[in-house]
Amino acid sequence: MVTIAAIIYEPGNSIKNKTGSWRTFRPILDNEKCVKCENCYIFCPEGAIQEDENGNFKINYDYCKGCLICMNECPVNAITKVREEK
């Protein structure tokens, strides 16, 4: 549930507020093309891109809003977009 003006009243409660449901485009990361430059990780405004134990990056779609900044910042075009299907 989102509060009025999306104000967060308690520290740490943003974890409960998943934001990926209003996405129009879904970024798709191709780990075969990824050079692990971390640009997607650095520029994601939602912190929705995480690094796994093998050094690969993955997108947490519960929090990805589909802004596609990650796609625009990727120097090797390892991230593409597809229209989100509901």
PDB file of N, CA and C in Angstrom:
ATOM      1  N   MET A   1       0.844  -1.175   0.000  1.00  0.00           N
ATOM      2  CA  MET A   1       0.000   0.000   0.000  1.00  0.00           C
ATOM      3  C   MET A   1       0.893   1.243   0.000  1.00  0.00           C
ATOM      4  N   VAL A   2       0.547   2.198  -0.842  1.00  0.00           N
ATOM      5  CA  VAL A   2       1.311   3.432  -0.942  1.00  0.00           C
ATOM      6  C   VAL A   2       0.584   4.514  -0.149  1.00  0.00           C
ATOM      7  N   THR A   3       1.337   5.255   0.651  1.00  0.00           N
ATOM      8  CA  THR A   3       0.757   6.337   1.445  1.00  0.00           C
ATOM      9  C   THR A   3       0.539   7.567   0.573  1.00  0.00           C
ATOM     10  N   ILE A   4      -0.148   8.564   1.102  1.00  0.00           N
ATOM     11  CA  ILE A   4      -0.346   9.809   0.382  1.00  0.00           C
ATOM     12  C   ILE A   4       1.015  10.423   0.082  1.00  0.00           C
ATOM     13  N   ALA A   5       1.233  10.805  -1.164  1.00  0.00           N
ATOM     14  CA  ALA A   5       2.493  11.377  -1.651  1.00  0.00           C
ATOM     15  C   ALA A   5       3.654  10.397  -1.503  1.00  0.00           C
ATOM     16  N   ALA A   6       3.361   9.123  -1.336  1.00  0.00           N
ATOM     17  CA  ALA A   6       4.366   8.069  -1.206  1.00  0.00           C
ATOM     18  C   ALA A   6       5.378   8.367  -0.103  1.00  0.00           C
ATOM     19  N   ILE A   7       4.917   8.978   0.952  1.00  0.00           N
ATOM     20  CA  ILE A   7       5.779   9.308   2.084  1.00  0.00           C
ATOM     21  C   ILE A   7       6.061   8.036   2.881  1.00  0.00           C
ATOM     22  N   ILE A   8       7.318   7.853   3.227  1.00  0.00           N
ATOM     23  CA  ILE A   8       7.717   6.712   4.036  1.00  0.00           C
ATOM     24  C   ILE A   8       7.860   7.184   5.470  1.00  0.00           C
ATOM     25  N   TYR A   9       7.045   6.647   6.335  1.00  0.00           N
ATOM     26  CA  TYR A   9       7.015   7.099   7.722  1.00  0.00           C
ATOM     27  C   TYR A   9       7.974   6.340   8.632  1.00  0.00           C
ATOM     28  N   GLU A  10       8.242   5.071   8.301  1.00  0.00           N
ATOM     29  CA  GLU A  10       9.110   4.277   9.157  1.00  0.00           C
ATOM     30  C   GLU A  10      10.360   3.862   8.381  1.00  0.00           C
ATOM     31  N   PRO A  11      11.534   3.945   8.971  1.00  0.00           N
ATOM     32  CA  PRO A  11      12.745   3.508   8.282  1.00  0.00           C
ATOM     33  C   PRO A  11      12.649   2.027   7.909  1.00  0.00           C
ATOM     34  N   GLY A  12      13.077   1.717   6.706  1.00  0.00           N
ATOM     35  CA  GLY A  12      13.118   0.323   6.276  1.00  0.00           C
ATOM     36  C   GLY A  12      11.820  -0.235   5.740  1.00  0.00           C
ATOM     37  N   ASN A  13      10.755   0.531   5.755  1.00  0.00           N
ATOM     38  CA  ASN A  13       9.490  -0.032   5.290  1.00  0.00           C
ATOM     39  C   ASN A  13       9.336   0.019   3.774  1.00  0.00           C
ATOM     40  N   SER A  14      10.292   0.638   3.077  1.00  0.00           N
ATOM     41  CA  SER A  14      10.187   0.679   1.619  1.00  0.00           C
ATOM     42  C   SER A  14      10.333  -0.708   1.016  1.00  0.00           C
ATOM     43  N   ILE A  15      10.894  -1.644   1.743  1.00  0.00           N
ATOM     44  CA  ILE A  15      11.029  -3.016   1.256  1.00  0.00           C
ATOM     45  C   ILE A  15       9.660  -3.619   0.997  1.00  0.00           C
ATOM     46  N   LYS A  16       8.663  -3.208   1.753  1.00  0.00           N
ATOM     47  CA  LYS A  16       7.306  -3.725   1.587  1.00  0.00           C
ATOM     48  C   LYS A  16       6.630  -3.147   0.356  1.00  0.00           C
ATOM     49  N   ASN A  17       7.091  -1.985  -0.096  1.00  0.00           N
ATOM     50  CA  ASN A  17       6.423  -1.296  -1.203  1.00  0.00           C
ATOM     51  C   ASN A  17       7.080  -1.631  -2.534  1.00  0.00           C
ATOM     52  N   LYS A  18       6.648  -2.711  -3.118  1.00  0.00           N
ATOM     53  CA  LYS A  18       7.202  -3.120  -4.404  1.00  0.00           C
ATOM     54  C   LYS A  18       6.695  -2.164  -5.478  1.00  0.00           C
ATOM     55  N   THR A  19       7.612  -1.725  -6.356  1.00  0.00           N
ATOM     56  CA  THR A  19       7.272  -0.692  -7.325  1.00  0.00           C
ATOM     57  C   THR A  19       7.265  -1.197  -8.761  1.00  0.00           C
ATOM     58  N   GLY A  20       7.534  -2.458  -8.977  1.00  0.00           N
ATOM     59  CA  GLY A  20       7.644  -2.970 -10.333  1.00  0.00           C
ATOM     60  C   GLY A  20       6.332  -3.175 -11.055  1.00  0.00           C
ATOM     61  N   SER A  21       5.213  -2.974 -10.416  1.00  0.00           N
ATOM     62  CA  SER A  21       3.928  -3.278 -11.045  1.00  0.00           C
ATOM     63  C   SER A  21       3.481  -2.208 -12.037  1.00  0.00           C
ATOM     64  N   TRP A  22       4.111  -1.039 -12.091  1.00  0.00           N
ATOM     65  CA  TRP A  22       3.676   0.002 -13.000  1.00  0.00           C
ATOM     66  C   TRP A  22       4.614   0.163 -14.176  1.00  0.00           C
ATOM     67  N   ARG A  23       5.376  -0.829 -14.443  1.00  0.00           N
ATOM     68  CA  ARG A  23       6.368  -0.785 -15.504  1.00  0.00           C
ATOM     69  C   ARG A  23       5.701  -1.006 -16.872  1.00  0.00           C
ATOM     70  N   THR A  24       6.127  -0.241 -17.889  1.00  0.00           N
ATOM     71  CA  THR A  24       5.651  -0.444 -19.261  1.00  0.00           C
ATOM     72  C   THR A  24       6.617  -1.318 -20.036  1.00  0.00           C
ATOM     73  N   PHE A  25       7.926  -1.099 -19.812  1.00  0.00           N
ATOM     74  CA  PHE A  25       8.952  -1.901 -20.466  1.00  0.00           C
ATOM     75  C   PHE A  25       9.780  -2.627 -19.416  1.00  0.00           C
ATOM     76  N   ARG A  26      10.157  -3.854 -19.747  1.00  0.00           N
ATOM     77  CA  ARG A  26      10.963  -4.685 -18.848  1.00  0.00           C
ATOM     78  C   ARG A  26      12.368  -4.803 -19.440  1.00  0.00           C
ATOM     79  N   PRO A  27      13.405  -4.366 -18.712  1.00  0.00           N
ATOM     80  CA  PRO A  27      14.769  -4.558 -19.221  1.00  0.00           C
ATOM     81  C   PRO A  27      15.172  -6.032 -19.077  1.00  0.00           C
ATOM     82  N   ILE A  28      15.836  -6.528 -20.100  1.00  0.00           N
ATOM     83  CA  ILE A  28      16.310  -7.913 -20.099  1.00  0.00           C
ATOM     84  C   ILE A  28      17.828  -7.880 -20.211  1.00  0.00           C
ATOM     85  N   LEU A  29      18.490  -8.464 -19.244  1.00  0.00           N
ATOM     86  CA  LEU A  29      19.958  -8.468 -19.201  1.00  0.00           C
ATOM     87  C   LEU A  29      20.497  -9.779 -19.764  1.00  0.00           C
ATOM     88  N   ASP A  30      21.384  -9.662 -20.745  1.00  0.00           N
ATOM     89  CA  ASP A  30      22.039 -10.828 -21.346  1.00  0.00           C
ATOM     90  C   ASP A  30      23.411 -10.963 -20.696  1.00  0.00           C
ATOM     91  N   ASN A  31      23.561 -11.909 -19.789  1.00  0.00           N
ATOM     92  CA  ASN A  31      24.829 -12.074 -19.072  1.00  0.00           C
ATOM     93  C   ASN A  31      25.959 -12.548 -19.977  1.00  0.00           C
ATOM     94  N   GLU A  32      25.636 -13.101 -21.148  1.00  0.00           N
ATOM     95  CA  GLU A  32      26.689 -13.510 -22.094  1.00  0.00           C
ATOM     96  C   GLU A  32      27.379 -12.276 -22.687  1.00  0.00           C
ATOM     97  N   LYS A  33      26.635 -11.207 -22.902  1.00  0.00           N
ATOM     98  CA  LYS A  33      27.202  -9.975 -23.455  1.00  0.00           C
ATOM     99  C   LYS A  33      27.783  -9.064 -22.376  1.00  0.00           C
ATOM    100  N   CYS A  34      27.336  -9.212 -21.151  1.00  0.00           N
ATOM    101  CA  CYS A  34      27.724  -8.323 -20.055  1.00  0.00           C
ATOM    102  C   CYS A  34      29.235  -8.387 -19.794  1.00  0.00           C
ATOM    103  N   VAL A  35      29.869  -7.227 -19.676  1.00  0.00           N
ATOM    104  CA  VAL A  35      31.308  -7.150 -19.379  1.00  0.00           C
ATOM    105  C   VAL A  35      31.551  -6.781 -17.908  1.00  0.00           C
ATOM    106  N   LYS A  36      30.483  -6.778 -17.121  1.00  0.00           N
ATOM    107  CA  LYS A  36      30.557  -6.515 -15.675  1.00  0.00           C
ATOM    108  C   LYS A  36      31.181  -5.156 -15.344  1.00  0.00           C
ATOM    109  N   CYS A  37      30.820  -4.147 -16.113  1.00  0.00           N
ATOM    110  CA  CYS A  37      31.334  -2.800 -15.886  1.00  0.00           C
ATOM    111  C   CYS A  37      30.613  -2.117 -14.713  1.00  0.00           C
ATOM    112  N   GLU A  38      29.481  -2.656 -14.312  1.00  0.00           N
ATOM    113  CA  GLU A  38      28.676  -2.165 -13.185  1.00  0.00           C
ATOM    114  C   GLU A  38      27.920  -0.877 -13.483  1.00  0.00           C
ATOM    115  N   ASN A  39      27.925  -0.400 -14.704  1.00  0.00           N
ATOM    116  CA  ASN A  39      27.180   0.826 -15.020  1.00  0.00           C
ATOM    117  C   ASN A  39      25.697   0.675 -14.693  1.00  0.00           C
ATOM    118  N   CYS A  40      25.110  -0.447 -15.038  1.00  0.00           N
ATOM    119  CA  CYS A  40      23.683  -0.652 -14.759  1.00  0.00           C
ATOM    120  C   CYS A  40      23.435  -0.605 -13.253  1.00  0.00           C
ATOM    121  N   TYR A  41      24.302  -1.235 -12.509  1.00  0.00           N
ATOM    122  CA  TYR A  41      24.202  -1.273 -11.052  1.00  0.00           C
ATOM    123  C   TYR A  41      24.348   0.132 -10.456  1.00  0.00           C
ATOM    124  N   ILE A  42      25.289   0.898 -10.974  1.00  0.00           N
ATOM    125  CA  ILE A  42      25.570   2.236 -10.449  1.00  0.00           C
ATOM    126  C   ILE A  42      24.452   3.215 -10.778  1.00  0.00           C
ATOM    127  N   PHE A  43      23.935   3.152 -11.998  1.00  0.00           N
ATOM    128  CA  PHE A  43      22.973   4.157 -12.444  1.00  0.00           C
ATOM    129  C   PHE A  43      21.524   3.808 -12.134  1.00  0.00           C
ATOM    130  N   CYS A  44      21.212   2.600 -11.719  1.00  0.00           N
ATOM    131  CA  CYS A  44      19.820   2.243 -11.408  1.00  0.00           C
ATOM    132  C   CYS A  44      19.339   3.093 -10.230  1.00  0.00           C
ATOM    133  N   PRO A  45      18.332   3.945 -10.445  1.00  0.00           N
ATOM    134  CA  PRO A  45      17.880   4.826  -9.367  1.00  0.00           C
ATOM    135  C   PRO A  45      17.127   4.098  -8.256  1.00  0.00           C
ATOM    136  N   GLU A  46      16.702   2.875  -8.515  1.00  0.00           N
ATOM    137  CA  GLU A  46      15.927   2.127  -7.523  1.00  0.00           C
ATOM    138  C   GLU A  46      16.745   1.058  -6.811  1.00  0.00           C
ATOM    139  N   GLY A  47      17.980   0.865  -7.215  1.00  0.00           N
ATOM    140  CA  GLY A  47      18.778  -0.206  -6.614  1.00  0.00           C
ATOM    141  C   GLY A  47      18.208  -1.570  -6.943  1.00  0.00           C
ATOM    142  N   ALA A  48      17.569  -1.681  -8.099  1.00  0.00           N
ATOM    143  CA  ALA A  48      16.910  -2.929  -8.480  1.00  0.00           C
ATOM    144  C   ALA A  48      17.856  -3.922  -9.147  1.00  0.00           C
ATOM    145  N   ILE A  49      19.091  -3.500  -9.420  1.00  0.00           N
ATOM    146  CA  ILE A  49      20.062  -4.403 -10.036  1.00  0.00           C
ATOM    147  C   ILE A  49      21.037  -4.839  -8.959  1.00  0.00           C
ATOM    148  N   GLN A  50      21.189  -6.150  -8.863  1.00  0.00           N
ATOM    149  CA  GLN A  50      22.026  -6.709  -7.810  1.00  0.00           C
ATOM    150  C   GLN A  50      23.054  -7.649  -8.421  1.00  0.00           C
ATOM    151  N   GLU A  51      24.175  -7.786  -7.729  1.00  0.00           N
ATOM    152  CA  GLU A  51      25.233  -8.686  -8.169  1.00  0.00           C
ATOM    153  C   GLU A  51      25.106  -9.986  -7.401  1.00  0.00           C
ATOM    154  N   ASP A  52      25.187 -11.116  -8.098  1.00  0.00           N
ATOM    155  CA  ASP A  52      25.096 -12.395  -7.403  1.00  0.00           C
ATOM    156  C   ASP A  52      26.486 -12.885  -6.988  1.00  0.00           C
ATOM    157  N   GLU A  53      26.559 -14.047  -6.395  1.00  0.00           N
ATOM    158  CA  GLU A  53      27.812 -14.576  -5.857  1.00  0.00           C
ATOM    159  C   GLU A  53      28.833 -14.896  -6.954  1.00  0.00           C
ATOM    160  N   ASN A  54      28.388 -15.031  -8.204  1.00  0.00           N
ATOM    161  CA  ASN A  54      29.282 -15.315  -9.325  1.00  0.00           C
ATOM    162  C   ASN A  54      29.745 -14.053 -10.050  1.00  0.00           C
ATOM    163  N   GLY A  55      29.330 -12.891  -9.572  1.00  0.00           N
ATOM    164  CA  GLY A  55      29.704 -11.631 -10.210  1.00  0.00           C
ATOM    165  C   GLY A  55      28.787 -11.224 -11.341  1.00  0.00           C
ATOM    166  N   ASN A  56      27.731 -11.994 -11.559  1.00  0.00           N
ATOM    167  CA  ASN A  56      26.751 -11.628 -12.586  1.00  0.00           C
ATOM    168  C   ASN A  56      25.723 -10.689 -11.978  1.00  0.00           C
ATOM    169  N   PHE A  57      25.146  -9.870 -12.833  1.00  0.00           N
ATOM    170  CA  PHE A  57      24.127  -8.938 -12.365  1.00  0.00           C
ATOM    171  C   PHE A  57      22.752  -9.469 -12.727  1.00  0.00           C
ATOM    172  N   LYS A  58      21.787  -9.176 -11.886  1.00  0.00           N
ATOM    173  CA  LYS A  58      20.414  -9.580 -12.162  1.00  0.00           C
ATOM    174  C   LYS A  58      19.488  -8.446 -11.742  1.00  0.00           C
ATOM    175  N   ILE A  59      18.342  -8.405 -12.376  1.00  0.00           N
ATOM    176  CA  ILE A  59      17.380  -7.337 -12.139  1.00  0.00           C
ATOM    177  C   ILE A  59      16.270  -7.862 -11.247  1.00  0.00           C
ATOM    178  N   ASN A  60      16.014  -7.152 -10.175  1.00  0.00           N
ATOM    179  CA  ASN A  60      14.914  -7.509  -9.286  1.00  0.00           C
ATOM    180  C   ASN A  60      13.658  -6.799  -9.800  1.00  0.00           C
ATOM    181  N   TYR A  61      12.804  -7.553 -10.468  1.00  0.00           N
ATOM    182  CA  TYR A  61      11.632  -6.962 -11.111  1.00  0.00           C
ATOM    183  C   TYR A  61      10.553  -6.525 -10.116  1.00  0.00           C
ATOM    184  N   ASP A  62      10.684  -6.887  -8.870  1.00  0.00           N
ATOM    185  CA  ASP A  62       9.740  -6.384  -7.863  1.00  0.00           C
ATOM    186  C   ASP A  62       9.936  -4.883  -7.636  1.00  0.00           C
ATOM    187  N   TYR A  63      11.155  -4.386  -7.910  1.00  0.00           N
ATOM    188  CA  TYR A  63      11.463  -2.981  -7.647  1.00  0.00           C
ATOM    189  C   TYR A  63      11.863  -2.197  -8.895  1.00  0.00           C
ATOM    190  N   CYS A  64      12.057  -2.863 -10.030  1.00  0.00           N
ATOM    191  CA  CYS A  64      12.410  -2.188 -11.285  1.00  0.00           C
ATOM    192  C   CYS A  64      11.174  -1.477 -11.835  1.00  0.00           C
ATOM    193  N   LYS A  65      11.300  -0.155 -12.056  1.00  0.00           N
ATOM    194  CA  LYS A  65      10.186   0.627 -12.594  1.00  0.00           C
ATOM    195  C   LYS A  65      10.212   0.676 -14.118  1.00  0.00           C
ATOM    196  N   GLY A  66      11.249   0.131 -14.734  1.00  0.00           N
ATOM    197  CA  GLY A  66      11.330   0.123 -16.193  1.00  0.00           C
ATOM    198  C   GLY A  66      11.753   1.460 -16.769  1.00  0.00           C
ATOM    199  N   CYS A  67      12.547   2.219 -16.051  1.00  0.00           N
ATOM    200  CA  CYS A  67      12.997   3.526 -16.558  1.00  0.00           C
ATOM    201  C   CYS A  67      14.004   3.367 -17.696  1.00  0.00           C
ATOM    202  N   LEU A  68      14.648   2.203 -17.763  1.00  0.00           N
ATOM    203  CA  LEU A  68      15.607   1.846 -18.819  1.00  0.00           C
ATOM    204  C   LEU A  68      16.883   2.671 -18.799  1.00  0.00           C
ATOM    205  N   ILE A  69      17.174   3.327 -17.692  1.00  0.00           N
ATOM    206  CA  ILE A  69      18.465   4.000 -17.553  1.00  0.00           C
ATOM    207  C   ILE A  69      19.588   2.971 -17.673  1.00  0.00           C
ATOM    208  N   CYS A  70      19.385   1.802 -17.117  1.00  0.00           N
ATOM    209  CA  CYS A  70      20.389   0.734 -17.201  1.00  0.00           C
ATOM    210  C   CYS A  70      20.689   0.395 -18.659  1.00  0.00           C
ATOM    211  N   MET A  71      19.660   0.307 -19.470  1.00  0.00           N
ATOM    212  CA  MET A  71      19.840  -0.010 -20.890  1.00  0.00           C
ATOM    213  C   MET A  71      20.623   1.100 -21.594  1.00  0.00           C
ATOM    214  N   ASN A  72      20.305   2.339 -21.271  1.00  0.00           N
ATOM    215  CA  ASN A  72      20.989   3.465 -21.908  1.00  0.00           C
ATOM    216  C   ASN A  72      22.442   3.592 -21.465  1.00  0.00           C
ATOM    217  N   GLU A  73      22.770   3.141 -20.266  1.00  0.00           N
ATOM    218  CA  GLU A  73      24.137   3.265 -19.750  1.00  0.00           C
ATOM    219  C   GLU A  73      25.020   2.075 -20.091  1.00  0.00           C
ATOM    220  N   CYS A  74      24.447   0.992 -20.559  1.00  0.00           N
ATOM    221  CA  CYS A  74      25.231  -0.216 -20.862  1.00  0.00           C
ATOM    222  C   CYS A  74      26.091   0.024 -22.107  1.00  0.00           C
ATOM    223  N   PRO A  75      27.426  -0.081 -21.986  1.00  0.00           N
ATOM    224  CA  PRO A  75      28.295   0.219 -23.126  1.00  0.00           C
ATOM    225  C   PRO A  75      28.329  -0.880 -24.187  1.00  0.00           C
ATOM    226  N   VAL A  76      27.851  -2.080 -23.864  1.00  0.00           N
ATOM    227  CA  VAL A  76      27.926  -3.185 -24.832  1.00  0.00           C
ATOM    228  C   VAL A  76      26.542  -3.675 -25.254  1.00  0.00           C
ATOM    229  N   ASN A  77      25.512  -2.906 -24.950  1.00  0.00           N
ATOM    230  CA  ASN A  77      24.130  -3.248 -25.330  1.00  0.00           C
ATOM    231  C   ASN A  77      23.714  -4.637 -24.839  1.00  0.00           C
ATOM    232  N   ALA A  78      24.092  -4.945 -23.610  1.00  0.00           N
ATOM    233  CA  ALA A  78      23.713  -6.227 -23.030  1.00  0.00           C
ATOM    234  C   ALA A  78      22.297  -6.203 -22.454  1.00  0.00           C
ATOM    235  N   ILE A  79      21.694  -5.022 -22.413  1.00  0.00           N
ATOM    236  CA  ILE A  79      20.343  -4.899 -21.875  1.00  0.00           C
ATOM    237  C   ILE A  79      19.414  -4.433 -22.990  1.00  0.00           C
ATOM    238  N   THR A  80      18.368  -5.175 -23.179  1.00  0.00           N
ATOM    239  CA  THR A  80      17.344  -4.819 -24.166  1.00  0.00           C
ATOM    240  C   THR A  80      16.025  -4.648 -23.425  1.00  0.00           C
ATOM    241  N   LYS A  81      15.000  -4.222 -24.143  1.00  0.00           N
ATOM    242  CA  LYS A  81      13.704  -4.029 -23.495  1.00  0.00           C
ATOM    243  C   LYS A  81      12.637  -4.825 -24.230  1.00  0.00           C
ATOM    244  N   VAL A  82      11.656  -5.251 -23.477  1.00  0.00           N
ATOM    245  CA  VAL A  82      10.458  -5.868 -24.036  1.00  0.00           C
ATOM    246  C   VAL A  82       9.266  -5.204 -23.370  1.00  0.00           C
ATOM    247  N   ARG A  83       8.155  -5.149 -24.074  1.00  0.00           N
ATOM    248  CA  ARG A  83       6.953  -4.571 -23.487  1.00  0.00           C
ATOM    249  C   ARG A  83       6.450  -5.488 -22.373  1.00  0.00           C
ATOM    250  N   GLU A  84       6.109  -4.894 -21.269  1.00  0.00           N
ATOM    251  CA  GLU A  84       5.616  -5.655 -20.121  1.00  0.00           C
ATOM    252  C   GLU A  84       4.230  -6.203 -20.433  1.00  0.00           C
ATOM    253  N   GLU A  85       4.020  -7.458 -20.143  1.00  0.00           N
ATOM    254  CA  GLU A  85       2.713  -8.071 -20.322  1.00  0.00           C
ATOM    255  C   GLU A  85       2.093  -8.271 -18.956  1.00  0.00           C
ATOM    256  N   LYS A  86       0.866  -7.879 -18.834  1.00  0.00           N
ATOM    257  CA  LYS A  86       0.166  -8.022 -17.541  1.00  0.00           C
ATOM    258  C   LYS A  86      -0.674  -9.263 -17.530  1.00  0.00           C
TER     259      LYS A  86
END
